[in-house]
C-alpha atoms as a PDB file:
ATOM      1  CA  LEU A   1     236.838  60.988 225.778  1.00  0.00           C
ATOM      2  CA  GLU A   2     234.952  63.127 223.289  1.00  0.00           C
ATOM      3  CA  THR A   3     234.067  60.040 221.210  1.00  0.00           C
ATOM      4  CA  ASP A   4     232.738  58.255 224.276  1.00  0.00           C
ATOM      5  CA  CYS A   5     230.607  61.288 225.133  1.00  0.00           C
ATOM      6  CA  ALA A   6     229.241  61.424 221.580  1.00  0.00           C
ATOM      7  CA  VAL A   7     228.367  57.710 221.646  1.00  0.00           C
ATOM      8  CA  LYS A   8     226.609  58.055 224.978  1.00  0.00           C
ATOM      9  CA  SER A   9     224.739  61.149 223.818  1.00  0.00           C
ATOM     10  CA  ALA A  10     223.537  59.196 220.781  1.00  0.00           C
ATOM     11  CA  ALA A  11     222.331  56.428 223.115  1.00  0.00           C
ATOM     12  CA  VAL A  12     220.328  58.978 225.138  1.00  0.00           C
ATOM     13  CA  GLU A  13     218.765  60.351 221.956  1.00  0.00           C
ATOM     14  CA  ARG A  14     217.788  56.807 220.842  1.00  0.00           C
ATOM     15  CA  LEU A  15     216.181  56.166 224.208  1.00  0.00           C
ATOM     16  CA  GLU A  16     214.248  59.446 223.996  1.00  0.00           C
ATOM     17  CA  ARG A  17     212.997  58.541 220.496  1.00  0.00           C
ATOM     18  CA  ALA A  18     212.034  55.098 221.730  1.00  0.00           C
ATOM     19  CA  LEU A  19     210.179  56.716 224.616  1.00  0.00           C
ATOM     20  CA  GLN A  20     208.349  59.076 222.281  1.00  0.00           C
ATOM     21  CA  ASP A  21     207.553  56.237 219.867  1.00  0.00           C
ATOM     22  CA  ALA A  22     206.235  54.108 222.710  1.00  0.00           C
ATOM     23  CA  ALA A  23     204.170  56.994 224.066  1.00  0.00           C
ATOM     24  CA  SER A  24     202.606  57.727 220.698  1.00  0.00           C
ATOM     25  CA  ALA A  25     202.007  54.017 219.972  1.00  0.00           C
ATOM     26  CA  SER A  26     200.363  53.268 223.255  1.00  0.00           C
ATOM     27  CA  SER A  27     198.394  56.551 223.276  1.00  0.00           C
ATOM     28  CA  GLY A  28     198.218  56.466 227.005  1.00  0.00           C
ATOM     29  CA  THR A  29     196.940  52.912 227.229  1.00  0.00           C
ATOM     30  CA  ASP A  30     200.098  51.351 228.568  1.00  0.00           C
ATOM     31  CA  GLN A  31     201.148  53.557 231.486  1.00  0.00           C
ATOM     32  CA  GLY A  32     203.381  50.824 232.994  1.00  0.00           C
ATOM     33  CA  ALA A  33     205.532  50.563 229.867  1.00  0.00           C
ATOM     34  CA  LEU A  34     205.732  54.328 229.649  1.00  0.00           C
ATOM     35  CA  THR A  35     206.799  54.592 233.278  1.00  0.00           C
ATOM     36  CA  ARG A  36     209.355  51.843 232.764  1.00  0.00           C
ATOM     37  CA  LEU A  37     210.813  53.640 229.739  1.00  0.00           C
ATOM     38  CA  LYS A  38     211.007  56.906 231.699  1.00  0.00           C
ATOM     39  CA  LEU A  39     212.833  55.137 234.531  1.00  0.00           C
ATOM     40  CA  GLU A  40     215.244  53.536 232.068  1.00  0.00           C
ATOM     41  CA  LYS A  41     215.844  56.928 230.468  1.00  0.00           C
ATOM     42  CA  GLU A  42     216.544  58.572 233.830  1.00  0.00           C
ATOM     43  CA  ARG A  43     218.833  55.713 234.854  1.00  0.00           C
ATOM     44  CA  ASP A  44     220.745  55.913 231.561  1.00  0.00           C
ATOM     45  CA  GLU A  45     221.027  59.701 231.847  1.00  0.00           C
ATOM     46  CA  MET A  46     222.384  59.400 235.386  1.00  0.00           C
ATOM     47  CA  LYS A  47     224.865  56.781 234.231  1.00  0.00           C
ATOM     48  CA  LEU A  48     225.933  58.999 231.330  1.00  0.00           C
ATOM     49  CA  LYS A  49     226.328  62.014 233.614  1.00  0.00           C
ATOM     50  CA  HIS A  50     228.441  59.894 235.973  1.00  0.00           C
ATOM     51  CA  ASP A  51     230.556  58.647 233.041  1.00  0.00           C
ATOM     52  CA  ILE A  52     230.998  62.196 231.754  1.00  0.00           C
ATOM     53  CA  SER A  53     232.076  63.491 235.158  1.00  0.00           C
ATOM     54  CA  THR A  54     234.507  60.557 235.488  1.00  0.00           C
ATOM     55  CA  MET A  55     235.951  61.342 232.074  1.00  0.00           C
ATOM     56  CA  GLU A  56     236.254  65.029 232.953  1.00  0.00           C
ATOM     57  CA  GLU A  57     238.141  64.079 236.120  1.00  0.00           C
ATOM     58  CA  GLN A  58     240.436  61.831 234.083  1.00  0.00           C
ATOM     59  CA  LEU A  59     240.986  64.647 231.597  1.00  0.00           C
ATOM     60  CA  THR A  60     241.847  67.043 234.421  1.00  0.00           C
ATOM     61  CA  ARG A  61     244.337  64.550 235.880  1.00  0.00           C
ATOM     62  CA  LYS A  62     245.910  63.974 232.472  1.00  0.00           C
ATOM     63  CA  ASP A  63     246.213  67.738 231.940  1.00  0.00           C
ATOM     64  CA  THR A  64     247.914  68.041 235.319  1.00  0.00           C
ATOM     65  CA  GLU A  65     250.278  65.176 234.485  1.00  0.00           C
ATOM     66  CA  LEU A  66     251.050  66.765 231.118  1.00  0.00           C
ATOM     67  CA  GLY A  67     251.874  70.067 232.824  1.00  0.00           C
ATOM     68  CA  GLU A  68     254.195  68.282 235.250  1.00  0.00           C
ATOM     69  CA  VAL A  69     255.924  66.399 232.436  1.00  0.00           C
ATOM     70  CA  LYS A  70     256.386  69.621 230.452  1.00  0.00           C
ATOM     71  CA  ALA A  71     257.817  71.404 233.486  1.00  0.00           C
ATOM     72  CA  LYS A  72     260.193  68.518 234.162  1.00  0.00           C
ATOM     73  CA  ALA A  73     261.307  68.416 230.522  1.00  0.00           C
ATOM     74  CA  LYS A  74     261.903  72.170 230.538  1.00  0.00           C
ATOM     75  CA  ALA A  75     263.977  71.919 233.730  1.00  0.00           C
ATOM     76  CA  GLN A  76     266.041  69.076 232.265  1.00  0.00           C
ATOM     77  CA  SER A  77     266.524  71.024 229.052  1.00  0.00           C
ATOM     78  CA  GLU A  78     267.726  74.088 230.951  1.00  0.00           C
ATOM     79  CA  THR A  79     270.081  71.963 233.059  1.00  0.00           C
ATOM     80  CA  LEU A  80     271.500  70.347 229.941  1.00  0.00           C
ATOM     81  CA  MET A  81     271.958  73.727 228.275  1.00  0.00           C
ATOM     82  CA  LEU A  82     273.817  75.036 231.324  1.00  0.00           C
ATOM     83  CA  ARG A  83     276.113  72.001 231.345  1.00  0.00           C
ATOM     84  CA  LEU A  84     276.816  72.354 227.645  1.00  0.00           C
ATOM     85  CA  GLN A  85     277.485  76.057 228.040  1.00  0.00           C
ATOM     86  CA  GLU A  86     279.939  75.389 230.888  1.00  0.00           C
ATOM     87  CA  LYS A  87     281.770  72.777 228.797  1.00  0.00           C
ATOM     88  CA  TYR A  88     281.878  75.150 225.837  1.00  0.00           C
ATOM     89  CA  GLU A  89     283.274  77.964 227.988  1.00  0.00           C
ATOM     90  CA  LYS A  90     285.940  75.666 229.476  1.00  0.00           C
ATOM     91  CA  ALA A  91     286.988  74.501 226.018  1.00  0.00           C
ATOM     92  CA  LEU A  92     287.061  78.107 224.804  1.00  0.00           C
ATOM     93  CA  ASN A  93     289.240  79.158 227.748  1.00  0.00           C
ATOM     94  CA  VAL A  94     291.654  76.300 227.083  1.00  0.00           C
ATOM     95  CA  MET A  95     291.890  77.340 223.439  1.00  0.00           C
ATOM     96  CA  LYS A  96     292.494  80.964 224.422  1.00  0.00           C
ATOM     97  CA  GLU A  97     295.271  79.898 226.789  1.00  0.00           C
ATOM     98  CA  GLN A  98     296.870  77.790 224.055  1.00  0.00           C
ATOM     99  CA  LEU A  99     296.651  80.730 221.665  1.00  0.00           C
ATOM    100  CA  GLN A 100     298.338  83.036 224.185  1.00  0.00           C
ATOM    101  CA  ILE A 101     301.127  80.507 224.689  1.00  0.00           C
ATOM    102  CA  ARG A 102     301.653  80.242 220.926  1.00  0.00           C
ATOM    103  CA  GLU A 103     301.683  84.034 220.594  1.00  0.00           C
ATOM    104  CA  ARG A 104     304.319  84.318 223.328  1.00  0.00           C
ATOM    105  CA  GLU A 105     306.418  81.659 221.600  1.00  0.00           C
ATOM    106  CA  LEU A 106     306.081  83.490 218.283  1.00  0.00           C
ATOM    107  CA  ASN A 107     307.132  86.795 219.845  1.00  0.00           C
ATOM    108  CA  TYR A 108     310.109  85.107 221.500  1.00  0.00           C
ATOM    109  CA  TYR A 109     311.240  83.574 218.221  1.00  0.00           C
ATOM    110  CA  LYS A 110     310.768  86.898 216.435  1.00  0.00           C
ATOM    111  CA  SER A 111     312.903  88.645 219.040  1.00  0.00           C
ATOM    112  CA  CYS A 112     315.532  85.920 218.721  1.00  0.00           C
ATOM    113  CA  GLN A 113     315.531  86.355 214.962  1.00  0.00           C
ATOM    114  CA  LYS A 114     315.997  90.129 215.333  1.00  0.00           C
ATOM    115  CA  THR A 115     318.818  89.530 217.806  1.00  0.00           C
ATOM    116  CA  SER A 116     320.561  87.079 215.500  1.00  0.00           C
ATOM    117  CA  GLU A 117     320.169  89.490 212.556  1.00  0.00           C
ATOM    118  CA  GLY A 118     321.735  92.221 214.709  1.00  0.00           C
ATOM    119  CA  GLU A 119     324.542  89.890 215.729  1.00  0.00           C
ATOM    120  CA  VAL A 120     325.189  88.997 212.088  1.00  0.00           C
ATOM    121  CA  ARG A 121     325.357  92.704 211.191  1.00  0.00           C
ATOM    122  CA  LEU A 122     327.702  93.335 214.117  1.00  0.00           C
ATOM    123  CA  LEU A 123     329.960  90.483 213.011  1.00  0.00           C
ATOM    124  CA  HIS A 124     329.949  91.812 209.453  1.00  0.00           C
ATOM    125  CA  SER A 125     330.942  95.278 210.602  1.00  0.00           C
ATOM    126  CA  ILE A 126     333.675  93.865 212.912  1.00  0.00           C
ATOM    127  CA  ILE A 127     335.067  91.738 210.100  1.00  0.00           C
ATOM    128  CA  TYR A 128     334.928  94.693 207.730  1.00  0.00           C
ATOM    129  CA  ASP A 129     336.741  96.919 210.270  1.00  0.00           C
ATOM    130  CA  LEU A 130     339.368  94.229 210.855  1.00  0.00           C
ATOM    131  CA  GLY A 131     339.822  93.917 207.089  1.00  0.00           C
ATOM    132  CA  LEU A 132     340.306  97.666 206.801  1.00  0.00           C
ATOM    133  CA  ARG A 133     342.815  97.722 209.656  1.00  0.00           C
ATOM    134  CA  PHE A 134     344.660  94.796 208.142  1.00  0.00           C
ATOM    135  CA  GLN A 135     344.863  96.575 204.817  1.00  0.00           C
ATOM    136  CA  VAL A 136     346.103  99.765 206.505  1.00  0.00           C
ATOM    137  CA  MET A 137     348.765  97.780 208.384  1.00  0.00           C
ATOM    138  CA  GLN A 138     349.899  96.096 205.217  1.00  0.00           C
ATOM    139  CA  GLN A 139     350.273  99.412 203.451  1.00  0.00           C
ATOM    140  CA  GLU A 140     352.166 100.942 206.377  1.00  0.00           C
ATOM    141  CA  GLY A 141     354.496  98.050 206.785  1.00  0.00           C
ATOM    142  CA  GLY A 142     354.950  97.291 203.359  1.00  0.00           C
END
């Protein structure tokens, strides 16, 4: 749009120079040509002003469209971020639940190990006591 405006402004300047050149060359002798050049200049200026206003309207519309597209993209981005965050939180909760289950299993196995160690100690002490009793009985009877 700016390039088009610059080109059209250059055209207006050329027409003005041509008008000045024609005015100085004719020195007032050719009023019809001078009037014709003035009319052409005014017509071209009006056309340029119309083109500029049309381009400004197009620019305004494009700016509006750009704003709408940006707003839509931002909304989609936020929606996507929310979805990803929800999925992440669900996955995190599942992992936490799995970790809690594994911790409970570990505690259970630790308690079982302690119980079996206690049972082994109890069996050792029972066997030791039985051995002592047996030895005492052998000495008394024998």
